[in-house]
């Protein structure tokens, strides 16, 4: 029993454990603007693809703005659309 416990402790110290921090929010472009998102299918797909490309799990239209879930912490987002006055056409 003791040998199994020692082996388990050794194996656990060798296993690399990664903590994945994720954020949800409105996607912000390089120039500090939000991405518009309209409720037609093409716009929803564009938002979802943009979020997925940046490492998020999904994206959708929220208050006519692209909203992403589970993005890496280094991706620029805002929690509220009042934090960013401009919008961009995706460029």
C-alpha atoms as a PDB file:
ATOM      1  CA  UNK A   1       0.000   0.000   0.000  1.00  0.00           C
ATOM      2  CA  UNK A   2       2.796   2.400   0.889  1.00  0.00           C
ATOM      3  CA  UNK A   3       4.558   1.725  -2.429  1.00  0.00           C
ATOM      4  CA  UNK A   4       1.387   2.554  -4.355  1.00  0.00           C
ATOM      5  CA  UNK A   5       1.023   5.811  -2.434  1.00  0.00           C
ATOM      6  CA  UNK A   6       4.639   6.791  -3.167  1.00  0.00           C
ATOM      7  CA  UNK A   7       4.192   5.909  -6.839  1.00  0.00           C
ATOM      8  CA  UNK A   8       1.002   7.981  -7.021  1.00  0.00           C
ATOM      9  CA  UNK A   9       2.737  10.997  -5.460  1.00  0.00           C
ATOM     10  CA  UNK A  10       5.647  10.711  -7.909  1.00  0.00           C
ATOM     11  CA  UNK A  11       3.307  10.427 -10.890  1.00  0.00           C
ATOM     12  CA  UNK A  12       1.248  13.401  -9.769  1.00  0.00           C
ATOM     13  CA  UNK A  13       4.348  15.572  -9.467  1.00  0.00           C
ATOM     14  CA  UNK A  14       5.364  14.644 -13.015  1.00  0.00           C
ATOM     15  CA  UNK A  15       1.976  15.444 -14.521  1.00  0.00           C
ATOM     16  CA  UNK A  16       1.749  18.975 -15.853  1.00  0.00           C
ATOM     17  CA  UNK A  17      -1.419  20.550 -14.576  1.00  0.00           C
ATOM     18  CA  UNK A  18      -2.629  23.573 -16.518  1.00  0.00           C
ATOM     19  CA  UNK A  19      -5.132  26.011 -15.189  1.00  0.00           C
ATOM     20  CA  UNK A  20      -7.172  27.516 -17.998  1.00  0.00           C
ATOM     21  CA  UNK A  21      -8.545  30.927 -17.217  1.00  0.00           C
ATOM     22  CA  UNK A  22     -11.271  32.140 -19.527  1.00  0.00           C
ATOM     23  CA  UNK A  23     -13.238  35.330 -19.910  1.00  0.00           C
ATOM     24  CA  UNK A  24     -16.576  36.240 -21.424  1.00  0.00           C
ATOM     25  CA  UNK A  25     -17.254  39.596 -22.992  1.00  0.00           C
ATOM     26  CA  UNK A  26     -17.808  41.806 -25.987  1.00  0.00           C
ATOM     27  CA  UNK A  27     -14.953  41.422 -28.438  1.00  0.00           C
ATOM     28  CA  UNK A  28     -12.785  44.534 -28.922  1.00  0.00           C
ATOM     29  CA  UNK A  29     -10.799  45.224 -32.104  1.00  0.00           C
ATOM     30  CA  UNK A  30      -7.184  46.444 -32.224  1.00  0.00           C
ATOM     31  CA  UNK A  31      -8.393  50.030 -32.493  1.00  0.00           C
ATOM     32  CA  UNK A  32     -10.611  49.687 -29.418  1.00  0.00           C
ATOM     33  CA  UNK A  33     -13.942  49.292 -31.162  1.00  0.00           C
ATOM     34  CA  UNK A  34     -16.663  46.692 -30.753  1.00  0.00           C
ATOM     35  CA  UNK A  35     -17.709  44.358 -33.565  1.00  0.00           C
ATOM     36  CA  UNK A  36     -21.335  44.800 -34.652  1.00  0.00           C
ATOM     37  CA  UNK A  37     -23.460  41.692 -34.854  1.00  0.00           C
ATOM     38  CA  UNK A  38     -26.885  41.560 -36.442  1.00  0.00           C
ATOM     39  CA  UNK A  39     -29.332  38.756 -35.955  1.00  0.00           C
ATOM     40  CA  UNK A  40     -29.248  37.435 -39.520  1.00  0.00           C
ATOM     41  CA  UNK A  41     -27.515  34.086 -39.965  1.00  0.00           C
ATOM     42  CA  UNK A  42     -24.404  35.372 -41.789  1.00  0.00           C
ATOM     43  CA  UNK A  43     -23.613  37.927 -39.079  1.00  0.00           C
ATOM     44  CA  UNK A  44     -24.096  35.365 -36.300  1.00  0.00           C
ATOM     45  CA  UNK A  45     -21.756  32.931 -38.071  1.00  0.00           C
ATOM     46  CA  UNK A  46     -19.133  35.645 -38.563  1.00  0.00           C
ATOM     47  CA  UNK A  47     -19.208  36.478 -34.843  1.00  0.00           C
ATOM     48  CA  UNK A  48     -19.023  32.821 -33.831  1.00  0.00           C
ATOM     49  CA  UNK A  49     -16.112  32.181 -36.208  1.00  0.00           C
ATOM     50  CA  UNK A  50     -14.243  35.264 -34.989  1.00  0.00           C
ATOM     51  CA  UNK A  51     -14.584  34.167 -31.352  1.00  0.00           C
ATOM     52  CA  UNK A  52     -13.642  30.567 -32.147  1.00  0.00           C
ATOM     53  CA  UNK A  53     -10.552  31.726 -34.085  1.00  0.00           C
ATOM     54  CA  UNK A  54      -9.414  33.711 -31.046  1.00  0.00           C
ATOM     55  CA  UNK A  55      -9.740  30.648 -28.797  1.00  0.00           C
ATOM     56  CA  UNK A  56     -13.270  31.072 -27.495  1.00  0.00           C
ATOM     57  CA  UNK A  57     -15.854  28.337 -27.261  1.00  0.00           C
ATOM     58  CA  UNK A  58     -18.587  30.297 -29.057  1.00  0.00           C
ATOM     59  CA  UNK A  59     -19.768  33.723 -30.094  1.00  0.00           C
ATOM     60  CA  UNK A  60     -23.198  35.192 -30.652  1.00  0.00           C
ATOM     61  CA  UNK A  61     -25.063  38.470 -31.084  1.00  0.00           C
ATOM     62  CA  UNK A  62     -25.886  40.265 -27.859  1.00  0.00           C
ATOM     63  CA  UNK A  63     -27.352  43.771 -28.047  1.00  0.00           C
ATOM     64  CA  UNK A  64     -26.272  43.937 -31.720  1.00  0.00           C
ATOM     65  CA  UNK A  65     -22.647  43.370 -30.714  1.00  0.00           C
ATOM     66  CA  UNK A  66     -20.419  40.295 -30.996  1.00  0.00           C
ATOM     67  CA  UNK A  67     -20.186  38.551 -27.606  1.00  0.00           C
ATOM     68  CA  UNK A  68     -17.698  35.727 -26.948  1.00  0.00           C
ATOM     69  CA  UNK A  69     -17.513  33.034 -24.282  1.00  0.00           C
ATOM     70  CA  UNK A  70     -14.474  31.258 -22.841  1.00  0.00           C
ATOM     71  CA  UNK A  71     -11.832  33.434 -24.485  1.00  0.00           C
ATOM     72  CA  UNK A  72      -8.218  33.356 -23.295  1.00  0.00           C
ATOM     73  CA  UNK A  73      -7.482  36.168 -20.844  1.00  0.00           C
ATOM     74  CA  UNK A  74      -5.137  37.929 -23.278  1.00  0.00           C
ATOM     75  CA  UNK A  75      -7.927  38.666 -25.791  1.00  0.00           C
ATOM     76  CA  UNK A  76      -9.338  42.200 -25.478  1.00  0.00           C
ATOM     77  CA  UNK A  77     -12.929  42.259 -24.277  1.00  0.00           C
ATOM     78  CA  UNK A  78     -15.230  44.544 -22.342  1.00  0.00           C
ATOM     79  CA  UNK A  79     -18.012  43.455 -20.011  1.00  0.00           C
ATOM     80  CA  UNK A  80     -20.370  46.239 -21.002  1.00  0.00           C
ATOM     81  CA  UNK A  81     -20.986  47.874 -24.358  1.00  0.00           C
ATOM     82  CA  UNK A  82     -20.981  51.296 -22.690  1.00  0.00           C
ATOM     83  CA  UNK A  83     -17.207  50.888 -22.205  1.00  0.00           C
ATOM     84  CA  UNK A  84     -16.479  51.294 -25.931  1.00  0.00           C
ATOM     85  CA  UNK A  85     -18.136  54.079 -27.921  1.00  0.00           C
ATOM     86  CA  UNK A  86     -17.283  53.004 -31.466  1.00  0.00           C
ATOM     87  CA  UNK A  87     -18.068  50.007 -33.620  1.00  0.00           C
ATOM     88  CA  UNK A  88     -16.169  48.504 -36.519  1.00  0.00           C
ATOM     89  CA  UNK A  89     -17.257  46.608 -39.600  1.00  0.00           C
ATOM     90  CA  UNK A  90     -14.826  43.806 -38.742  1.00  0.00           C
ATOM     91  CA  UNK A  91     -11.603  45.309 -40.146  1.00  0.00           C
END
